[in-house]
Amino acid sequence: MAPGLPAWAQRRAGPPPHERGPAVFLEYDQVELDAAYDQAVYAPNEDQIGRRWRANSDLARARLGAPKRVRYGPSEIEQLDIYPAKRRKAPIHMFVHGGAWRGGSARGSAFPAELFVAAGAHYVVPDFIAVQDAGGSLAAMVTQVRRAIAWVYHNAASFGGDASRLYISAHSSGAHLAAAVLTSGDREIPGDAIKGAMLVSGMYDLKGPRLSSRASYVKFDDATEEALSPQRHLDRLRTPVIVAYAALDTPEFQRQSRDFAAALRLAGKPVDLIPGDDYNHFEFIETLANPYGVLGRAALIQMGLHHA
């Protein structure tokens, strides 16, 4: 080990050295495909950044005050945090957290709140079931995210929000869930309800994940793959989208983002593609908390807001 460097900095990014096996998806063998859907393999500082997210979320709550905690559905997990703007009838920015479908929380996703509140918007982040608590069902997760978005849209006035100015950002597996809602054609959320979405480092077709080690905890089948692959249902999309990804994301998360943006363009949908140079998967979403950062600036521009 090199002296003076933390252990994570000395880890090799990418799949472990191995004797290459047969291709199981595109050009990947099984070891490579499993690594391509495991962010920690390409971002060895994941734990450090996770601690930073939690610390910065604590700082946001210390400065803004505790959020308003509201129930949006029948189960205990179905609650969301609202960090209110200082004025009534304000636009709303809703964030859907990631966590490999297994983790993440509203509490740990407060770190971007101050940017939006300072710019005059409500910041809302829901909790929702983890896939292992849903018997491996991604459909259950999508249902809860849909229910949370619908609650915010239909109840915006209850917290001083403007339902006609609802925007969404989402990260990693949360970007998949949000995209699945956007392409579901659900009547509970009118097609023009969400004025813009920013999907960061997500998955938009489930064939690759289904063949990877994620199948050890997600119940994939043909119906799930088809129904919850947003890229296969672009005809239902009515929302302008920013697709963003980190240049140091795993190769599959990079490919998925580029392919999704290309498919959106081909379908004639309004889309912008934003790469995050020199960021890994976990570092990139931190720029959502910075008005001069890649994602923070893009989100404010999309909402027509300016940094205070």
C-alpha atoms as a PDB file:
ATOM      1  CA  MET A   1       0.000   0.000   0.000  1.00  0.00           C
ATOM      2  CA  ALA A   2       1.170   3.517  -0.781  1.00  0.00           C
ATOM      3  CA  PRO A   3       1.900   5.374   2.476  1.00  0.00           C
ATOM      4  CA  GLY A   4      -0.443   8.204   3.446  1.00  0.00           C
ATOM      5  CA  LEU A   5      -3.332   7.155   1.183  1.00  0.00           C
ATOM      6  CA  PRO A   6      -6.664   5.966   2.599  1.00  0.00           C
ATOM      7  CA  ALA A   7      -7.519   2.345   1.908  1.00  0.00           C
ATOM      8  CA  TRP A   8     -10.239   3.225  -0.617  1.00  0.00           C
ATOM      9  CA  ALA A   9      -7.787   5.268  -2.697  1.00  0.00           C
ATOM     10  CA  GLN A  10      -5.607   2.216  -3.137  1.00  0.00           C
ATOM     11  CA  ARG A  11      -8.378  -0.016  -4.454  1.00  0.00           C
ATOM     12  CA  ARG A  12      -8.528  -0.802  -8.150  1.00  0.00           C
ATOM     13  CA  ALA A  13     -11.635   0.458  -9.967  1.00  0.00           C
ATOM     14  CA  GLY A  14     -13.419  -2.041 -12.192  1.00  0.00           C
ATOM     15  CA  PRO A  15     -13.962  -5.798 -12.141  1.00  0.00           C
ATOM     16  CA  PRO A  16     -11.351  -7.995 -10.458  1.00  0.00           C
ATOM     17  CA  PRO A  17      -8.692  -9.696 -12.550  1.00  0.00           C
ATOM     18  CA  HIS A  18     -10.167 -12.959 -13.821  1.00  0.00           C
ATOM     19  CA  GLU A  19     -10.068 -15.435 -16.660  1.00  0.00           C
ATOM     20  CA  ARG A  20     -12.557 -14.065 -19.126  1.00  0.00           C
ATOM     21  CA  GLY A  21     -15.637 -16.194 -19.653  1.00  0.00           C
ATOM     22  CA  PRO A  22     -18.241 -16.223 -22.427  1.00  0.00           C
ATOM     23  CA  ALA A  23     -20.216 -13.061 -23.137  1.00  0.00           C
ATOM     24  CA  VAL A  24     -23.567 -12.997 -21.328  1.00  0.00           C
ATOM     25  CA  PHE A  25     -24.735  -9.501 -22.341  1.00  0.00           C
ATOM     26  CA  LEU A  26     -23.266  -7.288 -25.056  1.00  0.00           C
ATOM     27  CA  GLU A  27     -19.511  -7.683 -24.693  1.00  0.00           C
ATOM     28  CA  TYR A  28     -19.544  -8.466 -20.940  1.00  0.00           C
ATOM     29  CA  ASP A  29     -18.819 -11.811 -19.348  1.00  0.00           C
ATOM     30  CA  GLN A  30     -20.599 -12.526 -16.049  1.00  0.00           C
ATOM     31  CA  VAL A  31     -17.911 -11.032 -13.802  1.00  0.00           C
ATOM     32  CA  GLU A  32     -17.778  -7.876 -15.902  1.00  0.00           C
ATOM     33  CA  LEU A  33     -21.558  -7.522 -16.075  1.00  0.00           C
ATOM     34  CA  ASP A  34     -21.940  -7.972 -12.328  1.00  0.00           C
ATOM     35  CA  ALA A  35     -19.302  -5.287 -11.802  1.00  0.00           C
ATOM     36  CA  ALA A  36     -21.009  -2.988 -14.306  1.00  0.00           C
ATOM     37  CA  TYR A  37     -24.128  -2.979 -12.093  1.00  0.00           C
ATOM     38  CA  ASP A  38     -22.227  -2.594  -8.823  1.00  0.00           C
ATOM     39  CA  GLN A  39     -21.332   1.042  -8.237  1.00  0.00           C
ATOM     40  CA  ALA A  40     -18.928   0.310  -5.396  1.00  0.00           C
ATOM     41  CA  VAL A  41     -16.647  -1.530  -7.833  1.00  0.00           C
ATOM     42  CA  TYR A  42     -16.101   1.692  -9.783  1.00  0.00           C
ATOM     43  CA  ALA A  43     -16.405   4.150  -6.866  1.00  0.00           C
ATOM     44  CA  PRO A  44     -14.217   2.864  -4.040  1.00  0.00           C
ATOM     45  CA  ASN A  45     -14.908   5.987  -1.941  1.00  0.00           C
ATOM     46  CA  GLU A  46     -18.633   5.163  -1.690  1.00  0.00           C
ATOM     47  CA  ASP A  47     -18.626   4.899   2.097  1.00  0.00           C
ATOM     48  CA  GLN A  48     -16.794   8.195   2.524  1.00  0.00           C
ATOM     49  CA  ILE A  49     -19.266  10.006   0.260  1.00  0.00           C
ATOM     50  CA  GLY A  50     -22.219   8.390   2.015  1.00  0.00           C
ATOM     51  CA  ARG A  51     -20.980   9.811   5.315  1.00  0.00           C
ATOM     52  CA  ARG A  52     -20.656  13.211   3.647  1.00  0.00           C
ATOM     53  CA  TRP A  53     -24.253  13.029   2.335  1.00  0.00           C
ATOM     54  CA  ARG A  54     -25.496  12.290   5.861  1.00  0.00           C
ATOM     55  CA  ALA A  55     -23.406  15.057   7.423  1.00  0.00           C
ATOM     56  CA  ASN A  56     -24.513  17.600   4.820  1.00  0.00           C
ATOM     57  CA  SER A  57     -28.135  16.507   5.242  1.00  0.00           C
ATOM     58  CA  ASP A  58     -27.798  17.129   8.976  1.00  0.00           C
ATOM     59  CA  LEU A  59     -26.373  20.588   8.235  1.00  0.00           C
ATOM     60  CA  ALA A  60     -29.276  21.366   5.900  1.00  0.00           C
ATOM     61  CA  ARG A  61     -31.782  20.460   8.628  1.00  0.00           C
ATOM     62  CA  ALA A  62     -29.854  22.530  11.173  1.00  0.00           C
ATOM     63  CA  ARG A  63     -30.074  25.582   8.923  1.00  0.00           C
ATOM     64  CA  LEU A  64     -33.589  25.090   7.505  1.00  0.00           C
ATOM     65  CA  GLY A  65     -35.268  23.408  10.445  1.00  0.00           C
ATOM     66  CA  ALA A  66     -36.899  20.003  10.578  1.00  0.00           C
ATOM     67  CA  PRO A  67     -38.979  19.186   7.502  1.00  0.00           C
ATOM     68  CA  LYS A  68     -42.723  18.755   7.573  1.00  0.00           C
ATOM     69  CA  ARG A  69     -43.296  14.994   7.590  1.00  0.00           C
ATOM     70  CA  VAL A  70     -46.427  13.939   5.702  1.00  0.00           C
ATOM     71  CA  ARG A  71     -47.995  10.553   4.994  1.00  0.00           C
ATOM     72  CA  TYR A  72     -48.798   9.953   1.310  1.00  0.00           C
ATOM     73  CA  GLY A  73     -49.899   6.310   1.426  1.00  0.00           C
ATOM     74  CA  PRO A  74     -51.229   3.597   3.709  1.00  0.00           C
ATOM     75  CA  SER A  75     -48.022   1.854   4.817  1.00  0.00           C
ATOM     76  CA  GLU A  76     -45.632   3.169   7.466  1.00  0.00           C
ATOM     77  CA  ILE A  77     -42.792   3.841   5.000  1.00  0.00           C
ATOM     78  CA  GLU A  78     -45.021   5.958   2.751  1.00  0.00           C
ATOM     79  CA  GLN A  79     -44.104   9.366   4.144  1.00  0.00           C
ATOM     80  CA  LEU A  80     -42.296  12.322   2.641  1.00  0.00           C
ATOM     81  CA  ASP A  81     -40.261  15.265   3.905  1.00  0.00           C
ATOM     82  CA  ILE A  82     -41.160  18.798   2.833  1.00  0.00           C
ATOM     83  CA  TYR A  83     -38.612  21.604   3.205  1.00  0.00           C
ATOM     84  CA  PRO A  84     -40.826  24.639   2.572  1.00  0.00           C
ATOM     85  CA  ALA A  85     -39.996  27.719   0.569  1.00  0.00           C
ATOM     86  CA  LYS A  86     -40.382  31.049   2.300  1.00  0.00           C
ATOM     87  CA  ARG A  87     -43.200  32.157   0.035  1.00  0.00           C
ATOM     88  CA  ARG A  88     -46.573  30.733  -0.887  1.00  0.00           C
ATOM     89  CA  LYS A  89     -47.497  29.363  -4.299  1.00  0.00           C
ATOM     90  CA  ALA A  90     -43.869  28.363  -4.861  1.00  0.00           C
ATOM     91  CA  PRO A  91     -42.621  25.798  -7.382  1.00  0.00           C
ATOM     92  CA  ILE A  92     -41.803  22.307  -6.152  1.00  0.00           C
ATOM     93  CA  HIS A  93     -38.681  20.228  -6.657  1.00  0.00           C
ATOM     94  CA  MET A  94     -39.122  16.560  -5.763  1.00  0.00           C
ATOM     95  CA  PHE A  95     -36.111  14.253  -5.394  1.00  0.00           C
ATOM     96  CA  VAL A  96     -36.273  10.442  -5.727  1.00  0.00           C
ATOM     97  CA  HIS A  97     -33.276   8.881  -4.013  1.00  0.00           C
ATOM     98  CA  GLY A  98     -31.251   5.928  -5.201  1.00  0.00           C
ATOM     99  CA  GLY A  99     -29.669   3.028  -3.354  1.00  0.00           C
ATOM    100  CA  ALA A 100     -29.541   0.036  -5.731  1.00  0.00           C
ATOM    101  CA  TRP A 101     -33.304  -0.381  -5.041  1.00  0.00           C
ATOM    102  CA  ARG A 102     -32.207  -1.560  -1.564  1.00  0.00           C
ATOM    103  CA  GLY A 103     -31.241   1.550   0.409  1.00  0.00           C
ATOM    104  CA  GLY A 104     -31.385   5.309   0.688  1.00  0.00           C
ATOM    105  CA  SER A 105     -33.758   7.508   2.655  1.00  0.00           C
ATOM    106  CA  ALA A 106     -35.458  10.883   2.701  1.00  0.00           C
ATOM    107  CA  ARG A 107     -33.438  11.839   5.775  1.00  0.00           C
ATOM    108  CA  GLY A 108     -30.155  11.090   4.021  1.00  0.00           C
ATOM    109  CA  SER A 109     -31.255  13.015   0.912  1.00  0.00           C
ATOM    110  CA  ALA A 110     -31.729  16.431   2.493  1.00  0.00           C
ATOM    111  CA  PHE A 111     -28.373  17.798   1.350  1.00  0.00           C
ATOM    112  CA  PRO A 112     -29.748  19.555  -1.788  1.00  0.00           C
ATOM    113  CA  ALA A 113     -32.657  21.134   0.139  1.00  0.00           C
ATOM    114  CA  GLU A 114     -30.995  24.443   0.907  1.00  0.00           C
ATOM    115  CA  LEU A 115     -30.260  25.190  -2.748  1.00  0.00           C
ATOM    116  CA  PHE A 116     -33.928  24.905  -3.727  1.00  0.00           C
ATOM    117  CA  VAL A 117     -35.334  26.675  -0.684  1.00  0.00           C
ATOM    118  CA  ALA A 118     -32.892  29.561  -1.204  1.00  0.00           C
ATOM    119  CA  ALA A 119     -33.983  29.775  -4.846  1.00  0.00           C
ATOM    120  CA  GLY A 120     -37.648  29.977  -3.815  1.00  0.00           C
ATOM    121  CA  ALA A 121     -38.818  26.381  -4.262  1.00  0.00           C
ATOM    122  CA  HIS A 122     -40.149  23.699  -1.955  1.00  0.00           C
ATOM    123  CA  TYR A 123     -37.885  20.651  -1.708  1.00  0.00           C
ATOM    124  CA  VAL A 124     -39.720  17.358  -1.255  1.00  0.00           C
ATOM    125  CA  VAL A 125     -38.208  13.895  -0.848  1.00  0.00           C
ATOM    126  CA  PRO A 126     -40.208  10.696  -0.235  1.00  0.00           C
ATOM    127  CA  ASP A 127     -39.382   7.495   1.536  1.00  0.00           C
ATOM    128  CA  PHE A 128     -40.559   4.305  -0.171  1.00  0.00           C
ATOM    129  CA  ILE A 129     -40.207   0.582   0.269  1.00  0.00           C
ATOM    130  CA  ALA A 130     -36.910  -1.183  -0.391  1.00  0.00           C
ATOM    131  CA  VAL A 131     -37.025  -4.060  -2.849  1.00  0.00           C
ATOM    132  CA  GLN A 132     -36.025  -6.684  -0.260  1.00  0.00           C
ATOM    133  CA  ASP A 133     -38.970  -5.587   1.884  1.00  0.00           C
ATOM    134  CA  ALA A 134     -41.285  -5.879  -1.116  1.00  0.00           C
ATOM    135  CA  GLY A 135     -40.480  -9.511  -1.836  1.00  0.00           C
ATOM    136  CA  GLY A 136     -38.159  -8.497  -4.661  1.00  0.00           C
ATOM    137  CA  SER A 137     -40.870  -6.509  -6.472  1.00  0.00           C
ATOM    138  CA  LEU A 138     -39.831  -3.414  -8.394  1.00  0.00           C
ATOM    139  CA  ALA A 139     -43.502  -2.850  -9.241  1.00  0.00           C
ATOM    140  CA  ALA A 140     -44.228  -2.203  -5.560  1.00  0.00           C
ATOM    141  CA  MET A 141     -41.500   0.448  -5.491  1.00  0.00           C
ATOM    142  CA  VAL A 142     -42.801   2.126  -8.641  1.00  0.00           C
ATOM    143  CA  THR A 143     -46.321   2.133  -7.187  1.00  0.00           C
ATOM    144  CA  GLN A 144     -45.165   3.974  -4.080  1.00  0.00           C
ATOM    145  CA  VAL A 145     -43.075   6.517  -5.993  1.00  0.00           C
ATOM    146  CA  ARG A 146     -46.070   7.122  -8.268  1.00  0.00           C
ATOM    147  CA  ARG A 147     -48.299   7.557  -5.226  1.00  0.00           C
ATOM    148  CA  ALA A 148     -45.858  10.046  -3.696  1.00  0.00           C
ATOM    149  CA  ILE A 149     -45.690  12.126  -6.874  1.00  0.00           C
ATOM    150  CA  ALA A 150     -49.476  12.042  -7.221  1.00  0.00           C
ATOM    151  CA  TRP A 151     -49.901  13.154  -3.595  1.00  0.00           C
ATOM    152  CA  VAL A 152     -47.577  16.114  -4.102  1.00  0.00           C
ATOM    153  CA  TYR A 153     -49.356  17.126  -7.301  1.00  0.00           C
ATOM    154  CA  HIS A 154     -52.867  16.866  -5.857  1.00  0.00           C
ATOM    155  CA  ASN A 155     -52.003  18.324  -2.433  1.00  0.00           C
ATOM    156  CA  ALA A 156     -49.501  21.025  -3.386  1.00  0.00           C
ATOM    157  CA  ALA A 157     -51.727  23.791  -2.026  1.00  0.00           C
ATOM    158  CA  SER A 158     -51.664  22.192   1.442  1.00  0.00           C
ATOM    159  CA  PHE A 159     -48.022  23.187   1.899  1.00  0.00           C
ATOM    160  CA  GLY A 160     -47.991  26.342  -0.233  1.00  0.00           C
ATOM    161  CA  GLY A 161     -46.832  24.673  -3.431  1.00  0.00           C
ATOM    162  CA  ASP A 162     -47.780  25.446  -6.999  1.00  0.00           C
ATOM    163  CA  ALA A 163     -48.983  22.221  -8.628  1.00  0.00           C
ATOM    164  CA  SER A 164     -48.492  23.774 -12.058  1.00  0.00           C
ATOM    165  CA  ARG A 165     -44.734  24.012 -11.396  1.00  0.00           C
ATOM    166  CA  LEU A 166     -43.737  20.526 -10.278  1.00  0.00           C
ATOM    167  CA  TYR A 167     -40.267  19.251 -11.205  1.00  0.00           C
ATOM    168  CA  ILE A 168     -38.495  16.001 -10.387  1.00  0.00           C
ATOM    169  CA  SER A 169     -34.902  14.924 -10.069  1.00  0.00           C
ATOM    170  CA  ALA A 170     -33.821  11.362  -9.348  1.00  0.00           C
ATOM    171  CA  HIS A 171     -30.587   9.458  -8.905  1.00  0.00           C
ATOM    172  CA  SER A 172     -29.435   5.934  -9.765  1.00  0.00           C
ATOM    173  CA  SER A 173     -32.133   3.340  -9.022  1.00  0.00           C
ATOM    174  CA  GLY A 174     -34.372   6.297  -8.143  1.00  0.00           C
ATOM    175  CA  ALA A 175     -33.911   7.553 -11.696  1.00  0.00           C
ATOM    176  CA  HIS A 176     -35.186   4.193 -12.929  1.00  0.00           C
ATOM    177  CA  LEU A 177     -38.240   4.407 -10.651  1.00  0.00           C
ATOM    178  CA  ALA A 178     -39.000   7.997 -11.660  1.00  0.00           C
ATOM    179  CA  ALA A 179     -38.590   7.179 -15.357  1.00  0.00           C
ATOM    180  CA  ALA A 180     -40.914   4.193 -14.940  1.00  0.00           C
ATOM    181  CA  VAL A 181     -43.552   6.519 -13.495  1.00  0.00           C
ATOM    182  CA  LEU A 182     -43.033   9.082 -16.264  1.00  0.00           C
ATOM    183  CA  THR A 183     -43.566   6.409 -18.924  1.00  0.00           C
ATOM    184  CA  SER A 184     -46.442   4.587 -17.218  1.00  0.00           C
ATOM    185  CA  GLY A 185     -49.280   6.643 -18.684  1.00  0.00           C
ATOM    186  CA  ASP A 186     -50.882   6.667 -15.229  1.00  0.00           C
ATOM    187  CA  ARG A 187     -54.117   8.628 -15.020  1.00  0.00           C
ATOM    188  CA  GLU A 188     -53.478   9.645 -11.410  1.00  0.00           C
ATOM    189  CA  ILE A 189     -50.763  11.981 -12.687  1.00  0.00           C
ATOM    190  CA  PRO A 190     -51.879  13.994 -15.751  1.00  0.00           C
ATOM    191  CA  GLY A 191     -49.461  13.857 -18.659  1.00  0.00           C
ATOM    192  CA  ASP A 192     -48.483  17.500 -18.279  1.00  0.00           C
ATOM    193  CA  ALA A 193     -48.291  17.478 -14.460  1.00  0.00           C
ATOM    194  CA  ILE A 194     -44.517  17.217 -14.271  1.00  0.00           C
ATOM    195  CA  LYS A 195     -42.968  20.173 -16.036  1.00  0.00           C
ATOM    196  CA  GLY A 196     -39.445  18.779 -16.163  1.00  0.00           C
ATOM    197  CA  ALA A 197     -37.363  15.861 -14.927  1.00  0.00           C
ATOM    198  CA  MET A 198     -33.644  15.399 -14.389  1.00  0.00           C
ATOM    199  CA  LEU A 199     -32.648  11.733 -14.356  1.00  0.00           C
ATOM    200  CA  VAL A 200     -29.126  11.153 -13.070  1.00  0.00           C
ATOM    201  CA  SER A 201     -27.109   7.965 -13.605  1.00  0.00           C
ATOM    202  CA  GLY A 202     -30.124   5.715 -13.990  1.00  0.00           C
ATOM    203  CA  MET A 203     -31.185   2.490 -15.667  1.00  0.00           C
ATOM    204  CA  TYR A 204     -33.792   2.629 -18.407  1.00  0.00           C
ATOM    205  CA  ASP A 205     -33.868  -0.918 -19.770  1.00  0.00           C
ATOM    206  CA  LEU A 206     -33.903  -3.873 -17.392  1.00  0.00           C
ATOM    207  CA  LYS A 207     -32.402  -6.563 -19.626  1.00  0.00           C
ATOM    208  CA  GLY A 208     -28.854  -5.899 -18.414  1.00  0.00           C
ATOM    209  CA  PRO A 209     -29.730  -5.684 -14.709  1.00  0.00           C
ATOM    210  CA  ARG A 210     -31.829  -8.850 -15.030  1.00  0.00           C
ATOM    211  CA  LEU A 211     -28.767 -10.797 -16.218  1.00  0.00           C
ATOM    212  CA  SER A 212     -26.520  -9.333 -13.516  1.00  0.00           C
ATOM    213  CA  SER A 213     -26.055 -10.140  -9.842  1.00  0.00           C
ATOM    214  CA  ARG A 214     -28.953  -7.778  -9.070  1.00  0.00           C
ATOM    215  CA  ALA A 215     -31.183 -10.720  -9.934  1.00  0.00           C
ATOM    216  CA  SER A 216     -30.125 -12.229  -6.598  1.00  0.00           C
ATOM    217  CA  TYR A 217     -32.411  -9.780  -4.786  1.00  0.00           C
ATOM    218  CA  VAL A 218     -34.840  -8.545  -7.476  1.00  0.00           C
ATOM    219  CA  LYS A 219     -37.552 -10.830  -8.875  1.00  0.00           C
ATOM    220  CA  PHE A 220     -37.180 -10.251 -12.590  1.00  0.00           C
ATOM    221  CA  ASP A 221     -39.451 -11.905 -15.117  1.00  0.00           C
ATOM    222  CA  ASP A 222     -40.481 -11.131 -18.685  1.00  0.00           C
ATOM    223  CA  ALA A 223     -43.460  -9.030 -17.585  1.00  0.00           C
ATOM    224  CA  THR A 224     -41.387  -6.950 -15.164  1.00  0.00           C
ATOM    225  CA  GLU A 225     -38.619  -6.396 -17.680  1.00  0.00           C
ATOM    226  CA  GLU A 226     -41.083  -5.221 -20.315  1.00  0.00           C
ATOM    227  CA  ALA A 227     -43.380  -3.117 -18.142  1.00  0.00           C
ATOM    228  CA  LEU A 228     -40.654  -1.394 -16.130  1.00  0.00           C
ATOM    229  CA  SER A 229     -38.135  -0.662 -18.881  1.00  0.00           C
ATOM    230  CA  PRO A 230     -38.852   3.045 -19.511  1.00  0.00           C
ATOM    231  CA  GLN A 231     -36.942   3.081 -22.792  1.00  0.00           C
ATOM    232  CA  ARG A 232     -39.566   0.732 -24.271  1.00  0.00           C
ATOM    233  CA  HIS A 233     -42.478   3.098 -23.508  1.00  0.00           C
ATOM    234  CA  LEU A 234     -41.332   6.493 -24.721  1.00  0.00           C
ATOM    235  CA  ASP A 235     -44.639   7.099 -26.482  1.00  0.00           C
ATOM    236  CA  ARG A 236     -46.160   7.713 -23.042  1.00  0.00           C
ATOM    237  CA  LEU A 237     -43.633  10.361 -21.999  1.00  0.00           C
ATOM    238  CA  ARG A 238     -44.927  13.931 -21.851  1.00  0.00           C
ATOM    239  CA  THR A 239     -42.168  15.529 -19.778  1.00  0.00           C
ATOM    240  CA  PRO A 240     -39.021  17.339 -20.967  1.00  0.00           C
ATOM    241  CA  VAL A 241     -36.054  15.384 -19.617  1.00  0.00           C
ATOM    242  CA  ILE A 242     -32.455  16.062 -18.705  1.00  0.00           C
ATOM    243  CA  VAL A 243     -30.454  12.827 -18.754  1.00  0.00           C
ATOM    244  CA  ALA A 244     -27.205  13.128 -16.826  1.00  0.00           C
ATOM    245  CA  TYR A 245     -24.487  10.658 -15.978  1.00  0.00           C
ATOM    246  CA  ALA A 246     -21.045  10.674 -14.410  1.00  0.00           C
ATOM    247  CA  ALA A 247     -18.035  10.103 -16.626  1.00  0.00           C
ATOM    248  CA  LEU A 248     -16.713   7.711 -13.954  1.00  0.00           C
ATOM    249  CA  ASP A 249     -20.002   5.830 -13.623  1.00  0.00           C
ATOM    250  CA  THR A 250     -19.838   2.106 -14.342  1.00  0.00           C
ATOM    251  CA  PRO A 251     -19.766   1.393 -18.082  1.00  0.00           C
ATOM    252  CA  GLU A 252     -23.371   0.155 -18.043  1.00  0.00           C
ATOM    253  CA  PHE A 253     -24.744   3.226 -16.283  1.00  0.00           C
ATOM    254  CA  GLN A 254     -22.956   5.385 -18.833  1.00  0.00           C
ATOM    255  CA  ARG A 255     -24.288   3.327 -21.736  1.00  0.00           C
ATOM    256  CA  GLN A 256     -27.808   3.223 -20.362  1.00  0.00           C
ATOM    257  CA  SER A 257     -27.886   7.024 -20.044  1.00  0.00           C
ATOM    258  CA  ARG A 258     -26.503   7.646 -23.524  1.00  0.00           C
ATOM    259  CA  ASP A 259     -28.836   5.087 -25.095  1.00  0.00           C
ATOM    260  CA  PHE A 260     -31.864   6.503 -23.297  1.00  0.00           C
ATOM    261  CA  ALA A 261     -31.074  10.046 -24.410  1.00  0.00           C
ATOM    262  CA  ALA A 262     -30.531   8.854 -27.984  1.00  0.00           C
ATOM    263  CA  ALA A 263     -33.848   6.981 -27.936  1.00  0.00           C
ATOM    264  CA  LEU A 264     -35.622  10.082 -26.624  1.00  0.00           C
ATOM    265  CA  ARG A 265     -34.161  12.187 -29.433  1.00  0.00           C
ATOM    266  CA  LEU A 266     -35.154   9.603 -32.018  1.00  0.00           C
ATOM    267  CA  ALA A 267     -38.698   9.622 -30.625  1.00  0.00           C
ATOM    268  CA  GLY A 268     -38.828  13.403 -30.955  1.00  0.00           C
ATOM    269  CA  LYS A 269     -38.925  14.005 -27.196  1.00  0.00           C
ATOM    270  CA  PRO A 270     -37.301  17.096 -25.632  1.00  0.00           C
ATOM    271  CA  VAL A 271     -34.063  15.916 -24.010  1.00  0.00           C
ATOM    272  CA  ASP A 272     -30.675  17.255 -22.961  1.00  0.00           C
ATOM    273  CA  LEU A 273     -27.727  14.980 -22.205  1.00  0.00           C
ATOM    274  CA  ILE A 274     -25.269  16.167 -19.548  1.00  0.00           C
ATOM    275  CA  PRO A 275     -22.079  14.229 -18.766  1.00  0.00           C
ATOM    276  CA  GLY A 276     -20.326  14.926 -15.482  1.00  0.00           C
ATOM    277  CA  ASP A 277     -16.622  14.965 -16.271  1.00  0.00           C
ATOM    278  CA  ASP A 278     -14.313  13.522 -13.589  1.00  0.00           C
ATOM    279  CA  TYR A 279     -17.129  12.604 -11.177  1.00  0.00           C
ATOM    280  CA  ASN A 280     -18.002   9.105 -10.066  1.00  0.00           C
ATOM    281  CA  HIS A 281     -21.537   7.883  -9.398  1.00  0.00           C
ATOM    282  CA  PHE A 282     -21.738   9.154  -5.824  1.00  0.00           C
ATOM    283  CA  GLU A 283     -19.764  12.357  -6.236  1.00  0.00           C
ATOM    284  CA  PHE A 284     -21.875  13.581  -9.164  1.00  0.00           C
ATOM    285  CA  ILE A 285     -25.198  13.852  -7.313  1.00  0.00           C
ATOM    286  CA  GLU A 286     -23.525  16.086  -4.724  1.00  0.00           C
ATOM    287  CA  THR A 287     -23.380  18.792  -7.396  1.00  0.00           C
ATOM    288  CA  LEU A 288     -27.184  19.027  -7.127  1.00  0.00           C
ATOM    289  CA  ALA A 289     -26.599  20.896  -3.851  1.00  0.00           C
ATOM    290  CA  ASN A 290     -24.358  23.514  -5.475  1.00  0.00           C
ATOM    291  CA  PRO A 291     -25.935  26.347  -7.521  1.00  0.00           C
ATOM    292  CA  TYR A 292     -22.713  26.495  -9.538  1.00  0.00           C
ATOM    293  CA  GLY A 293     -22.404  22.705  -9.804  1.00  0.00           C
ATOM    294  CA  VAL A 294     -23.275  20.734 -12.916  1.00  0.00           C
ATOM    295  CA  LEU A 295     -26.598  19.410 -11.650  1.00  0.00           C
ATOM    296  CA  GLY A 296     -27.577  22.281  -9.375  1.00  0.00           C
ATOM    297  CA  ARG A 297     -27.224  24.809 -12.182  1.00  0.00           C
ATOM    298  CA  ALA A 298     -29.101  22.557 -14.620  1.00  0.00           C
ATOM    299  CA  ALA A 299     -31.981  22.031 -12.173  1.00  0.00           C
ATOM    300  CA  LEU A 300     -32.373  25.750 -11.479  1.00  0.00           C
ATOM    301  CA  ILE A 301     -32.302  26.584 -15.189  1.00  0.00           C
ATOM    302  CA  GLN A 302     -34.883  23.881 -15.895  1.00  0.00           C
ATOM    303  CA  MET A 303     -37.160  25.387 -13.229  1.00  0.00           C
ATOM    304  CA  GLY A 304     -36.581  28.961 -14.389  1.00  0.00           C
ATOM    305  CA  LEU A 305     -35.054  29.886 -11.017  1.00  0.00           C
ATOM    306  CA  HIS A 306     -31.937  31.737  -9.996  1.00  0.00           C
ATOM    307  CA  HIS A 307     -29.602  31.311  -7.071  1.00  0.00           C
ATOM    308  CA  ALA A 308     -30.466  33.715  -4.262  1.00  0.00           C
END
